[in-house]
Every structure is written in structure tokens, then in C-alpha cells.
């Protein structure tokens, strides 16, 4: 199985974790929502698969380019 790291496109605070580890997701499904400058930016699955790891929880700070989840094919 190939693993794909999913990264945040902005610096901010994790507002919501929308999925659980082990969940099956489709390409484009929201994994995490990051709040930055009073905006909510979704971090989405780049492809269909299973959420192998979630590396963030609600309230955690996140930097641009930081890995927030890992999705397996």
C-alpha cells in the first residue's frame, strides 16, 4: 500500500477534525479544517483510500506545509 502525506496549505489552528483514523475517504473529502485569519480552510484527501494516521487534534497549531494526516491507497 502506498502512503500519501496530506499537508496544510496555511498556518493556523485546527478548528475541526472531520474524519477518524481508519475511515475510508474519497478524493476531495475534508479531513481537517484549519482556521486562519478568521477563515476556515479545508484540508482534503488527495485521493481515495483509508486514513492511516491523523497527526492533529482540534486546537492544535499547524504550519503551512505541515503533515496533518496520512492516507493509504
N, C-alpha and C. Protein backbone atom coordinates (compact mmCIF):
# COMPACT_ATOMS: atom_id res chain seq x y z
N UNK A 1 0.84 -1.19 0.00
CA UNK A 1 0.00 0.00 0.00
C UNK A 1 0.88 1.24 0.00
N UNK A 2 0.53 2.17 -0.84
CA UNK A 2 1.25 3.44 -0.88
C UNK A 2 0.63 4.39 0.14
N UNK A 3 1.50 5.14 0.83
CA UNK A 3 1.02 6.13 1.79
C UNK A 3 1.27 7.52 1.23
N UNK A 4 0.31 8.40 1.44
CA UNK A 4 0.39 9.77 0.93
C UNK A 4 0.19 10.74 2.08
N UNK A 5 1.19 11.61 2.29
CA UNK A 5 1.09 12.61 3.34
C UNK A 5 0.20 13.75 2.86
N UNK A 6 -0.69 14.19 3.71
CA UNK A 6 -1.59 15.30 3.41
C UNK A 6 -1.14 16.48 4.26
N UNK A 7 -0.87 17.62 3.61
CA UNK A 7 -0.31 18.78 4.32
C UNK A 7 -1.29 19.95 4.32
N UNK A 8 -1.12 20.81 5.30
CA UNK A 8 -1.91 22.04 5.40
C UNK A 8 -1.36 23.07 4.42
N UNK A 9 -2.24 23.78 3.77
CA UNK A 9 -1.82 24.83 2.83
C UNK A 9 -1.63 26.18 3.51
N UNK A 10 -2.01 26.26 4.81
CA UNK A 10 -1.91 27.53 5.54
C UNK A 10 -1.43 27.28 6.97
N UNK A 11 -0.97 28.34 7.61
CA UNK A 11 -0.64 28.32 9.03
C UNK A 11 -1.88 28.73 9.80
N UNK A 12 -2.19 28.03 10.88
CA UNK A 12 -3.36 28.37 11.66
C UNK A 12 -3.55 27.41 12.81
N UNK A 13 -4.81 27.22 13.18
CA UNK A 13 -5.18 26.33 14.28
C UNK A 13 -6.20 25.33 13.73
N UNK A 14 -6.05 24.07 14.11
CA UNK A 14 -7.02 23.06 13.69
C UNK A 14 -8.36 23.37 14.35
N UNK A 15 -9.33 23.67 13.53
CA UNK A 15 -10.68 24.01 14.00
C UNK A 15 -11.50 22.74 14.21
N UNK A 16 -11.34 21.77 13.29
CA UNK A 16 -12.14 20.55 13.34
C UNK A 16 -11.38 19.41 12.67
N UNK A 17 -11.48 18.23 13.24
CA UNK A 17 -11.01 17.01 12.60
C UNK A 17 -12.27 16.32 12.11
N UNK A 18 -12.42 16.18 10.78
CA UNK A 18 -13.67 15.73 10.18
C UNK A 18 -13.78 14.22 10.00
N UNK A 19 -12.67 13.50 10.18
CA UNK A 19 -12.67 12.04 10.00
C UNK A 19 -11.94 11.37 11.16
N UNK A 20 -12.11 10.08 11.25
CA UNK A 20 -11.40 9.30 12.27
C UNK A 20 -10.34 8.44 11.60
N UNK A 21 -9.31 8.07 12.34
CA UNK A 21 -8.33 7.12 11.82
C UNK A 21 -9.06 5.85 11.43
N UNK A 22 -8.67 5.30 10.29
CA UNK A 22 -9.28 4.07 9.80
C UNK A 22 -10.46 4.30 8.87
N UNK A 23 -10.93 5.56 8.79
CA UNK A 23 -12.07 5.87 7.93
C UNK A 23 -11.69 5.75 6.46
N UNK A 24 -12.64 5.33 5.64
CA UNK A 24 -12.47 5.31 4.20
C UNK A 24 -12.91 6.66 3.65
N UNK A 25 -12.08 7.25 2.80
CA UNK A 25 -12.39 8.57 2.25
C UNK A 25 -12.29 8.54 0.72
N UNK A 26 -13.02 9.45 0.09
CA UNK A 26 -12.94 9.65 -1.35
C UNK A 26 -12.06 10.85 -1.63
N UNK A 27 -11.54 10.93 -2.83
CA UNK A 27 -10.75 12.10 -3.22
C UNK A 27 -11.61 13.34 -3.03
N UNK A 28 -11.05 14.34 -2.36
CA UNK A 28 -11.77 15.59 -2.14
C UNK A 28 -12.52 15.67 -0.83
N UNK A 29 -12.61 14.56 -0.09
CA UNK A 29 -13.26 14.59 1.23
C UNK A 29 -12.43 15.43 2.20
N UNK A 30 -13.10 16.20 3.04
CA UNK A 30 -12.42 17.01 4.04
C UNK A 30 -11.91 16.12 5.17
N UNK A 31 -10.62 16.27 5.49
CA UNK A 31 -10.01 15.53 6.59
C UNK A 31 -9.95 16.39 7.84
N UNK A 32 -9.48 17.63 7.67
CA UNK A 32 -9.25 18.56 8.77
C UNK A 32 -9.65 19.95 8.28
N UNK A 33 -10.16 20.77 9.17
CA UNK A 33 -10.45 22.17 8.85
C UNK A 33 -9.51 23.03 9.68
N UNK A 34 -8.76 23.92 9.00
CA UNK A 34 -7.81 24.81 9.66
C UNK A 34 -8.39 26.23 9.65
N UNK A 35 -8.36 26.87 10.82
CA UNK A 35 -8.80 28.26 10.91
C UNK A 35 -7.57 29.15 10.82
N UNK A 36 -7.62 30.08 9.87
CA UNK A 36 -6.52 31.01 9.65
C UNK A 36 -7.10 32.36 9.27
N UNK A 37 -6.76 33.37 10.02
CA UNK A 37 -7.23 34.73 9.76
C UNK A 37 -8.76 34.79 9.64
N UNK A 38 -9.44 34.11 10.58
CA UNK A 38 -10.91 34.08 10.67
C UNK A 38 -11.56 33.37 9.48
N UNK A 39 -10.79 32.60 8.73
CA UNK A 39 -11.34 31.81 7.62
C UNK A 39 -11.15 30.33 7.95
N UNK A 40 -12.07 29.51 7.50
CA UNK A 40 -11.97 28.06 7.68
C UNK A 40 -11.55 27.43 6.36
N UNK A 41 -10.37 26.82 6.36
CA UNK A 41 -9.80 26.24 5.15
C UNK A 41 -9.77 24.72 5.29
N UNK A 42 -10.49 24.01 4.40
CA UNK A 42 -10.47 22.55 4.50
C UNK A 42 -9.17 21.97 3.94
N UNK A 43 -8.69 20.92 4.58
CA UNK A 43 -7.57 20.13 4.08
C UNK A 43 -8.22 18.84 3.60
N UNK A 44 -8.11 18.55 2.30
CA UNK A 44 -8.86 17.45 1.71
C UNK A 44 -7.96 16.28 1.31
N UNK A 45 -8.59 15.12 1.20
CA UNK A 45 -7.88 13.92 0.76
C UNK A 45 -7.50 14.07 -0.71
N UNK A 46 -6.24 13.84 -1.06
CA UNK A 46 -5.82 13.98 -2.45
C UNK A 46 -6.28 12.83 -3.34
N UNK A 47 -6.67 11.72 -2.70
CA UNK A 47 -7.11 10.53 -3.44
C UNK A 47 -7.96 9.67 -2.51
N UNK A 48 -8.64 8.72 -3.08
CA UNK A 48 -9.44 7.80 -2.28
C UNK A 48 -8.52 6.85 -1.52
N UNK A 49 -8.97 6.43 -0.35
CA UNK A 49 -8.19 5.49 0.44
C UNK A 49 -8.68 5.42 1.87
N UNK A 50 -7.77 5.01 2.74
CA UNK A 50 -8.08 4.87 4.17
C UNK A 50 -7.18 5.81 4.94
N UNK A 51 -7.74 6.48 5.94
CA UNK A 51 -6.95 7.37 6.79
C UNK A 51 -6.10 6.50 7.71
N UNK A 52 -4.80 6.44 7.43
CA UNK A 52 -3.89 5.59 8.20
C UNK A 52 -3.50 6.26 9.51
N UNK A 53 -3.30 7.59 9.47
CA UNK A 53 -2.90 8.33 10.68
C UNK A 53 -3.44 9.74 10.62
N UNK A 54 -3.89 10.22 11.77
CA UNK A 54 -4.21 11.63 11.96
C UNK A 54 -3.16 12.19 12.90
N UNK A 55 -2.51 13.25 12.50
CA UNK A 55 -1.42 13.80 13.30
C UNK A 55 -1.81 15.08 14.03
N UNK A 56 -3.07 15.49 13.91
CA UNK A 56 -3.55 16.72 14.52
C UNK A 56 -4.84 16.47 15.28
N UNK A 57 -5.09 17.29 16.28
CA UNK A 57 -6.35 17.28 17.02
C UNK A 57 -6.89 18.71 17.03
N UNK A 58 -8.17 18.86 17.27
CA UNK A 58 -8.77 20.20 17.34
C UNK A 58 -8.02 21.02 18.39
N UNK A 59 -7.70 22.25 18.01
CA UNK A 59 -6.98 23.16 18.90
C UNK A 59 -5.48 23.18 18.68
N UNK A 60 -4.95 22.20 17.95
CA UNK A 60 -3.51 22.17 17.67
C UNK A 60 -3.12 23.27 16.69
N UNK A 61 -1.96 23.86 16.89
CA UNK A 61 -1.40 24.79 15.92
C UNK A 61 -0.80 24.00 14.76
N UNK A 62 -0.88 24.56 13.57
CA UNK A 62 -0.36 23.89 12.38
C UNK A 62 0.33 24.93 11.49
N UNK A 63 1.45 24.53 10.90
CA UNK A 63 2.19 25.41 9.99
C UNK A 63 1.89 25.04 8.55
N UNK A 64 2.06 26.00 7.66
CA UNK A 64 1.92 25.73 6.23
C UNK A 64 2.90 24.63 5.84
N UNK A 65 2.42 23.62 5.13
CA UNK A 65 3.27 22.52 4.70
C UNK A 65 3.43 21.40 5.71
N UNK A 66 2.84 21.55 6.89
CA UNK A 66 2.94 20.52 7.93
C UNK A 66 2.00 19.37 7.61
N UNK A 67 2.46 18.15 7.82
CA UNK A 67 1.63 16.96 7.58
C UNK A 67 0.55 16.88 8.66
N UNK A 68 -0.71 16.74 8.21
CA UNK A 68 -1.82 16.64 9.16
C UNK A 68 -2.42 15.23 9.18
N UNK A 69 -2.21 14.47 8.10
CA UNK A 69 -2.76 13.12 8.02
C UNK A 69 -2.00 12.32 6.98
N UNK A 70 -2.17 11.01 7.05
CA UNK A 70 -1.59 10.10 6.07
C UNK A 70 -2.73 9.23 5.54
N UNK A 71 -2.86 9.18 4.20
CA UNK A 71 -3.89 8.38 3.54
C UNK A 71 -3.21 7.25 2.76
N UNK A 72 -3.72 6.02 2.93
CA UNK A 72 -3.20 4.86 2.21
C UNK A 72 -4.14 4.51 1.06
N UNK A 73 -3.54 4.04 -0.03
CA UNK A 73 -4.35 3.53 -1.15
C UNK A 73 -4.99 2.21 -0.75
